[in-house]
Amino acid sequence: MRVSSNPSPDVAERIAELAQQAGVTVACAESLTGGQIATALAAAPDSSAWFRGGIVAYASEVKHDLLEVPPGPVVCEESARTMAATTAKLLGADVVVAVTGVGGPDPQDDQPPGTVWFALRSGDGVESCCLDFDGDPPEIVERTTAESLRRLHEHLRP
């Protein structure tokens, strides 16, 4: 799937509008994006009214210890789904987007660079998917951030 390399500030603004209209709170759990999703959401209008915060769990140990990811590989569906569910509980958020993946240049957990697992947790449960992005590490991070915001926006749309 081809994704815009830079998240548009308009996407975060639309997320802000939709979250406020729906009366829901939003949070994120990030690994490879290192806080970029939270930064975009926090910069959106009236973020203090709907954005609960983000957890940047970059190290595998943090995913296991803080976010209750089971032992084993962290670049996998179970990790993303657990990150989203635990973050919702810890931050008291209605909707959580979570990402874990391999930015590169080396593989991790037997996964090639560009492998990214996404999870979105809401009252409807947890949805997850895996995408493969081409590019160097900064491009993979940018694409992952943009895709996370896009997925959050799509979920919040009525």
Protein backbone atom coordinates (compact mmCIF):
# COMPACT_ATOMS: atom_id res chain seq x y z
CA MET A 1 0.00 0.00 0.00
CA ARG A 2 1.39 3.41 -0.94
CA VAL A 3 1.15 6.02 1.80
CA SER A 4 1.95 9.72 1.80
CA SER A 5 5.37 10.26 3.33
CA ASN A 6 4.37 13.20 5.54
CA PRO A 7 1.33 13.29 7.77
CA SER A 8 -0.73 16.33 6.93
CA PRO A 9 -1.52 18.66 9.83
CA ASP A 10 -5.03 18.63 8.38
CA VAL A 11 -5.39 14.94 9.32
CA ALA A 12 -4.67 15.67 12.98
CA GLU A 13 -7.07 18.63 12.86
CA ARG A 14 -9.80 16.39 11.43
CA ILE A 15 -9.06 13.79 14.12
CA ALA A 16 -9.49 16.56 16.72
CA GLU A 17 -12.84 17.60 15.29
CA LEU A 18 -14.12 14.04 15.02
CA ALA A 19 -12.96 13.02 18.50
CA GLN A 20 -14.66 16.04 20.05
CA GLN A 21 -17.85 15.52 18.04
CA ALA A 22 -17.98 11.86 19.12
CA GLY A 23 -17.02 12.67 22.71
CA VAL A 24 -14.17 10.16 22.74
CA THR A 25 -10.64 10.29 24.05
CA VAL A 26 -7.66 9.18 22.00
CA ALA A 27 -4.21 7.81 22.87
CA CYS A 28 -1.33 6.07 21.14
CA ALA A 29 1.30 3.44 21.81
CA GLU A 30 4.40 3.75 19.69
CA SER A 31 7.57 1.87 19.09
CA LEU A 32 9.37 2.55 15.84
CA THR A 33 7.80 6.02 15.40
CA GLY A 34 9.39 7.20 18.65
CA GLY A 35 6.69 9.71 19.61
CA GLN A 36 5.84 11.19 16.22
CA ILE A 37 2.19 10.09 16.38
CA ALA A 38 1.78 11.66 19.82
CA THR A 39 3.49 14.83 18.63
CA ALA A 40 1.05 15.20 15.72
CA LEU A 41 -1.98 14.56 17.94
CA ALA A 42 -0.80 16.88 20.72
CA ALA A 43 -0.32 19.70 18.20
CA ALA A 44 -3.93 19.45 16.99
CA PRO A 45 -6.55 21.98 18.14
CA ASP A 46 -7.96 21.56 21.66
CA SER A 47 -5.88 18.42 22.18
CA SER A 48 -6.16 18.73 25.96
CA ALA A 49 -9.89 18.01 25.61
CA TRP A 50 -9.57 14.68 23.76
CA PHE A 51 -5.93 13.47 23.63
CA ARG A 52 -5.04 11.37 26.68
CA GLY A 53 -1.37 10.94 25.73
CA GLY A 54 1.02 8.44 24.29
CA ILE A 55 3.40 5.76 25.45
CA VAL A 56 6.66 5.41 23.56
CA ALA A 57 7.82 1.87 24.24
CA TYR A 58 10.90 1.70 22.06
CA ALA A 59 12.82 -1.02 23.91
CA SER A 60 11.45 -4.55 23.86
CA GLU A 61 11.70 -4.71 27.66
CA VAL A 62 9.38 -1.71 27.99
CA LYS A 63 6.82 -3.39 25.76
CA HIS A 64 7.01 -6.54 27.89
CA ASP A 65 7.18 -4.89 31.32
CA LEU A 66 4.96 -1.82 30.95
CA LEU A 67 2.60 -2.72 28.12
CA GLU A 68 2.22 -6.39 29.07
CA VAL A 69 3.34 -7.71 25.67
CA PRO A 70 3.88 -11.46 26.13
CA PRO A 71 7.43 -12.84 25.94
CA GLY A 72 8.67 -13.40 22.42
CA PRO A 73 8.97 -11.26 19.32
CA VAL A 74 7.69 -7.69 19.53
CA VAL A 75 7.24 -7.16 15.79
CA CYS A 76 4.05 -9.18 15.52
CA GLU A 77 0.29 -8.89 15.60
CA GLU A 78 -0.05 -9.96 19.24
CA SER A 79 2.38 -7.24 20.31
CA ALA A 80 0.50 -4.45 18.50
CA ARG A 81 -2.88 -5.64 19.79
CA THR A 82 -1.60 -5.91 23.37
CA MET A 83 0.07 -2.50 23.19
CA ALA A 84 -3.24 -0.93 22.12
CA ALA A 85 -5.33 -2.69 24.76
CA THR A 86 -2.94 -2.01 27.64
CA THR A 87 -2.50 1.63 26.65
CA ALA A 88 -6.28 2.11 26.63
CA LYS A 89 -6.38 0.75 30.18
CA LEU A 90 -3.36 2.71 31.45
CA LEU A 91 -4.38 6.05 29.94
CA GLY A 92 -8.15 5.69 30.15
CA ALA A 93 -8.63 6.25 26.42
CA ASP A 94 -11.61 5.26 24.30
CA VAL A 95 -9.60 4.85 21.08
CA VAL A 96 -5.94 3.85 20.81
CA VAL A 97 -3.69 3.41 17.80
CA ALA A 98 -0.56 1.29 18.33
CA VAL A 99 2.41 0.53 16.08
CA THR A 100 5.38 -1.79 16.27
CA GLY A 101 7.73 -2.53 13.43
CA VAL A 102 11.16 -2.58 11.89
CA GLY A 103 12.57 0.71 10.63
CA GLY A 104 15.84 -0.82 9.54
CA PRO A 105 18.41 -0.97 8.26
CA ASP A 106 18.65 -4.42 9.88
CA PRO A 107 15.89 -7.03 10.38
CA GLN A 108 14.34 -7.59 13.81
CA ASP A 109 12.49 -10.66 15.08
CA ASP A 110 13.14 -12.30 11.69
CA GLN A 111 11.15 -9.50 10.03
CA PRO A 112 12.64 -7.38 7.24
CA PRO A 113 12.90 -3.59 7.45
CA GLY A 114 9.61 -1.93 6.58
CA THR A 115 7.43 -4.54 8.33
CA VAL A 116 4.93 -2.66 10.51
CA TRP A 117 2.05 -3.96 12.61
CA PHE A 118 -0.82 -1.58 13.36
CA ALA A 119 -3.59 -2.04 15.93
CA LEU A 120 -6.56 0.15 16.65
CA ARG A 121 -8.50 -0.44 19.86
CA SER A 122 -11.96 0.99 20.49
CA GLY A 123 -15.25 -0.06 22.04
CA ASP A 124 -15.68 -2.30 19.00
CA GLY A 125 -12.61 -4.36 19.94
CA VAL A 126 -9.13 -4.41 18.42
CA GLU A 127 -8.41 -4.37 14.69
CA SER A 128 -4.93 -5.11 13.40
CA CYS A 129 -3.01 -5.39 10.15
CA CYS A 130 0.52 -5.60 8.82
CA LEU A 131 1.93 -3.40 6.08
CA ASP A 132 5.31 -3.45 4.36
CA PHE A 133 6.92 -0.11 3.53
CA ASP A 134 9.88 0.50 1.25
CA GLY A 135 12.47 3.13 2.01
CA ASP A 136 15.20 4.08 4.40
CA PRO A 137 14.52 4.22 8.15
CA PRO A 138 13.31 7.86 8.23
CA GLU A 139 10.93 7.20 5.31
CA ILE A 140 9.52 4.11 7.04
CA VAL A 141 8.93 6.11 10.22
CA GLU A 142 7.20 8.92 8.27
CA ARG A 143 5.00 6.48 6.38
CA THR A 144 4.09 4.64 9.57
CA THR A 145 3.15 7.90 11.28
CA ALA A 146 1.01 8.99 8.32
CA GLU A 147 -0.70 5.62 8.09
CA SER A 148 -1.43 5.60 11.84
CA LEU A 149 -3.10 8.99 11.63
CA ARG A 150 -5.01 7.95 8.52
CA ARG A 151 -6.32 4.83 10.25
CA LEU A 152 -7.32 6.81 13.33
CA HIS A 153 -9.13 9.36 11.17
CA GLU A 154 -10.95 6.67 9.19
CA HIS A 155 -12.05 4.98 12.40
CA LEU A 156 -13.46 8.19 13.86
CA ARG A 157 -15.36 9.18 10.73
CA PRO A 158 -19.12 8.75 11.14
